[in-house]
C-alpha atoms as a PDB file:
ATOM      1  CA  MET A   1     170.949   7.257  15.749  1.00  0.00           C
ATOM      2  CA  ARG A   2     169.192  10.345  17.332  1.00  0.00           C
ATOM      3  CA  VAL A   3     166.978  10.410  19.882  1.00  0.00           C
ATOM      4  CA  ALA A   4     164.487  13.320  20.372  1.00  0.00           C
ATOM      5  CA  ALA A   5     162.222  13.846  24.043  1.00  0.00           C
ATOM      6  CA  ALA A   6     158.798  14.581  23.870  1.00  0.00           C
ATOM      7  CA  SER A   7     158.221  18.100  24.595  1.00  0.00           C
ATOM      8  CA  ARG A   8     157.299  18.352  28.655  1.00  0.00           C
ATOM      9  CA  ARG A   9     153.484  19.037  27.786  1.00  0.00           C
ATOM     10  CA  GLU A  10     150.514  17.773  28.792  1.00  0.00           C
ATOM     11  CA  GLY A  11     149.580  14.607  27.670  1.00  0.00           C
ATOM     12  CA  ALA A  12     153.310  13.520  26.218  1.00  0.00           C
ATOM     13  CA  CYS A  13     153.566  10.559  28.104  1.00  0.00           C
ATOM     14  CA  GLY A  14     157.642  10.465  28.628  1.00  0.00           C
ATOM     15  CA  ALA A  15     157.451   9.577  24.769  1.00  0.00           C
ATOM     16  CA  ARG A  16     160.879   9.268  22.859  1.00  0.00           C
ATOM     17  CA  PHE A  17     160.997   9.456  19.160  1.00  0.00           C
ATOM     18  CA  LEU A  18     163.888   7.772  16.855  1.00  0.00           C
ATOM     19  CA  ARG A  19     165.506   8.718  13.455  1.00  0.00           C
ATOM     20  CA  VAL A  20     167.171   5.808  12.116  1.00  0.00           C
ATOM     21  CA  ALA A  21     168.367   5.684   8.625  1.00  0.00           C
ATOM     22  CA  PRO A  22     165.909   3.874   6.309  1.00  0.00           C
ATOM     23  CA  GLN A  23     166.061   0.370   6.748  1.00  0.00           C
ATOM     24  CA  ARG A  24     167.976  -0.215   9.114  1.00  0.00           C
ATOM     25  CA  PHE A  25     166.662  -0.515  13.018  1.00  0.00           C
ATOM     26  CA  PRO A  26     169.797  -0.374  15.257  1.00  0.00           C
ATOM     27  CA  LEU A  27     167.102  -1.604  18.154  1.00  0.00           C
ATOM     28  CA  PRO A  28     167.290  -5.054  20.028  1.00  0.00           C
ATOM     29  CA  ASP A  29     163.848  -7.426  19.487  1.00  0.00           C
ATOM     30  CA  ALA A  30     160.557  -6.690  21.631  1.00  0.00           C
ATOM     31  CA  THR A  31     161.805  -2.787  22.136  1.00  0.00           C
ATOM     32  CA  PHE A  32     158.400  -1.402  21.438  1.00  0.00           C
ATOM     33  CA  ALA A  33     154.863  -2.004  23.091  1.00  0.00           C
ATOM     34  CA  ALA A  34     153.137  -0.417  19.609  1.00  0.00           C
ATOM     35  CA  ALA A  35     154.436   1.262  16.413  1.00  0.00           C
ATOM     36  CA  LEU A  36     153.040   3.693  14.327  1.00  0.00           C
ATOM     37  CA  ALA A  37     154.254   3.908  10.328  1.00  0.00           C
ATOM     38  CA  PHE A  38     152.539   6.573   8.412  1.00  0.00           C
ATOM     39  CA  LYS A  39     152.870   6.213   4.267  1.00  0.00           C
ATOM     40  CA  VAL A  40     156.521   4.320   4.520  1.00  0.00           C
ATOM     41  CA  ASN A  41     155.558   1.401   2.566  1.00  0.00           C
ATOM     42  CA  GLY A  42     155.543   3.166  -0.362  1.00  0.00           C
ATOM     43  CA  TYR A  43     158.478   4.726  -0.600  1.00  0.00           C
ATOM     44  CA  LEU A  44     160.531   1.465   0.227  1.00  0.00           C
ATOM     45  CA  PRO A  45     162.087   0.483  -3.066  1.00  0.00           C
ATOM     46  CA  GLY A  46     160.782  -3.316  -4.272  1.00  0.00           C
ATOM     47  CA  ARG A  47     158.692  -6.119  -2.899  1.00  0.00           C
ATOM     48  CA  GLU A  48     161.365  -7.486  -1.104  1.00  0.00           C
ATOM     49  CA  ALA A  49     162.823  -4.137   0.702  1.00  0.00           C
ATOM     50  CA  ARG A  50     158.944  -3.958   1.859  1.00  0.00           C
ATOM     51  CA  ARG A  51     158.572  -7.241   3.619  1.00  0.00           C
ATOM     52  CA  GLN A  52     161.826  -6.785   5.089  1.00  0.00           C
ATOM     53  CA  TYR A  53     160.854  -3.658   6.807  1.00  0.00           C
ATOM     54  CA  LEU A  54     157.978  -5.355   8.188  1.00  0.00           C
ATOM     55  CA  ARG A  55     159.757  -8.869   9.199  1.00  0.00           C
ATOM     56  CA  ASP A  56     162.031  -5.781  11.479  1.00  0.00           C
ATOM     57  CA  VAL A  57     159.126  -3.882  12.580  1.00  0.00           C
ATOM     58  CA  GLY A  58     157.754  -7.013  13.728  1.00  0.00           C
ATOM     59  CA  ARG A  59     161.091  -8.002  15.022  1.00  0.00           C
ATOM     60  CA  LEU A  60     161.550  -4.939  17.496  1.00  0.00           C
ATOM     61  CA  LEU A  61     157.299  -5.423  18.434  1.00  0.00           C
ATOM     62  CA  MET A  62     156.501  -7.032  21.774  1.00  0.00           C
ATOM     63  CA  PRO A  63     154.558 -10.014  21.456  1.00  0.00           C
ATOM     64  CA  ARG A  64     150.824  -9.300  20.542  1.00  0.00           C
ATOM     65  CA  ALA A  65     151.844  -5.323  20.317  1.00  0.00           C
ATOM     66  CA  PRO A  66     149.598  -2.895  17.894  1.00  0.00           C
ATOM     67  CA  LEU A  67     151.091  -1.874  15.102  1.00  0.00           C
ATOM     68  CA  LEU A  68     149.070   1.227  13.100  1.00  0.00           C
ATOM     69  CA  LEU A  69     150.046   1.086   9.711  1.00  0.00           C
ATOM     70  CA  THR A  70     149.091   3.827   6.812  1.00  0.00           C
ATOM     71  CA  GLN A  71     149.444   3.762   3.396  1.00  0.00           C
ATOM     72  CA  TYR A  72     147.935   5.716   0.576  1.00  0.00           C
ATOM     73  CA  VAL A  73     146.091   3.122  -1.980  1.00  0.00           C
ATOM     74  CA  VAL A  74     146.004   4.828  -5.359  1.00  0.00           C
ATOM     75  CA  THR A  75     144.117   2.829  -7.846  1.00  0.00           C
ATOM     76  CA  THR A  76     145.126   2.487 -11.715  1.00  0.00           C
ATOM     77  CA  GLU A  77     141.247   4.215 -12.437  1.00  0.00           C
ATOM     78  CA  ILE A  78     142.296   7.273 -10.195  1.00  0.00           C
ATOM     79  CA  ILE A  79     145.854   7.454 -11.798  1.00  0.00           C
ATOM     80  CA  ARG A  80     143.893   7.444 -15.586  1.00  0.00           C
ATOM     81  CA  ALA A  81     141.471   9.926 -13.841  1.00  0.00           C
ATOM     82  CA  TYR A  82     144.354  12.342 -12.735  1.00  0.00           C
ATOM     83  CA  ARG A  83     146.390  11.883 -15.945  1.00  0.00           C
ATOM     84  CA  HIS A  84     143.740  12.850 -18.244  1.00  0.00           C
ATOM     85  CA  GLU A  85     142.360  15.852 -16.321  1.00  0.00           C
ATOM     86  CA  ALA A  86     146.505  16.998 -16.412  1.00  0.00           C
ATOM     87  CA  GLU A  87     146.112  17.044 -20.033  1.00  0.00           C
ATOM     88  CA  HIS A  88     143.118  18.944 -20.494  1.00  0.00           C
END
C-alpha cells in the first residue's frame, strides 16, 4: 500500500490518498469519515465483485458517513446510436 500526503497548498486539510490493489482494502473497519469513488463499479468483473466492493466500502466507512459514488450510465439506445454512427 502506498500513501501520498496531500500537497501543502491552502485547502489541502491534511488529506491522505491511498492507492491499494483492486478489491483489497487492508484497513480496519470504520476507518473513513467519508469516501469518494469515481467510475469504479463499472470496472469490477461481475455483479458479485461489485457487491463485495460496496460491502467493503461500507465496512470502511464510519457509521452514517457519506459515500459519493459516480458511474456513467450508458443505455442500449446510446450504444446502438454510437455503433450506427461509427458504421457511417
